[in-house]
Amino acid sequence: MLFRSFFLHGLSSLESLLLNKCYKLENADSLQSLTSLKHLKLFDCIRLENIPSLQGLTSLKEFSVIMGSNLKNIFFLEGLTSLERLRLTECSNLTSPGLAPLPSLTSLQELDLSLSYRVDVSTLPDLGSLSSLKYLNLTHCIQDRARSASKKIRGSLPNTKIKFWSR
């Protein structure tokens, strides 16, 4: 079934949305109309690459993309200060430069970038502004310079549990 953007219009009271195995979903323009959304999870939407700015979703606490193979960046999350949990796992085209907005997510408590193989731990943006961050998962990311990167990240986030794994 082809996902149509009008499908979500009129659901402004919706608080949780799970889109699972929407293989034909390429853009998600209608997400902007879900102004009460608190939890948004996109699983195995392999063609999704165009996500509009979600800055208007001021209640959004949790955002997940799992197996989002076309997702290249998270600029659509920039300035989303309500976000507490961000999970971007198995996003095979996501790279460290695409994560530049991370420092603007000032309420972030959990960040999971596991299995996003093109994310280079040594070139992540400075996460020191994420003073609420309690958990950071970087397993199966590029860790060629893992020791120095680990030291830098741990130094800027002393109260955060960090999970590393070197390939």
Foldseek 3Di string as FASTA:
>chain_A
DADDQCPCPPQLQDAEDEAEQNQNDAENANVCSNQNYAYYEYENNQNHAHYAANLSNQNHAEYEYELNQNHAAVPSDAQNQNYAYYYYANNQNYEQVRDVRQLNNQNHAEYHHYNNARYELQRHPQNLSNQNHAEYEDENYACPVVVVSVVRNCVSHVNHHYHYDHD
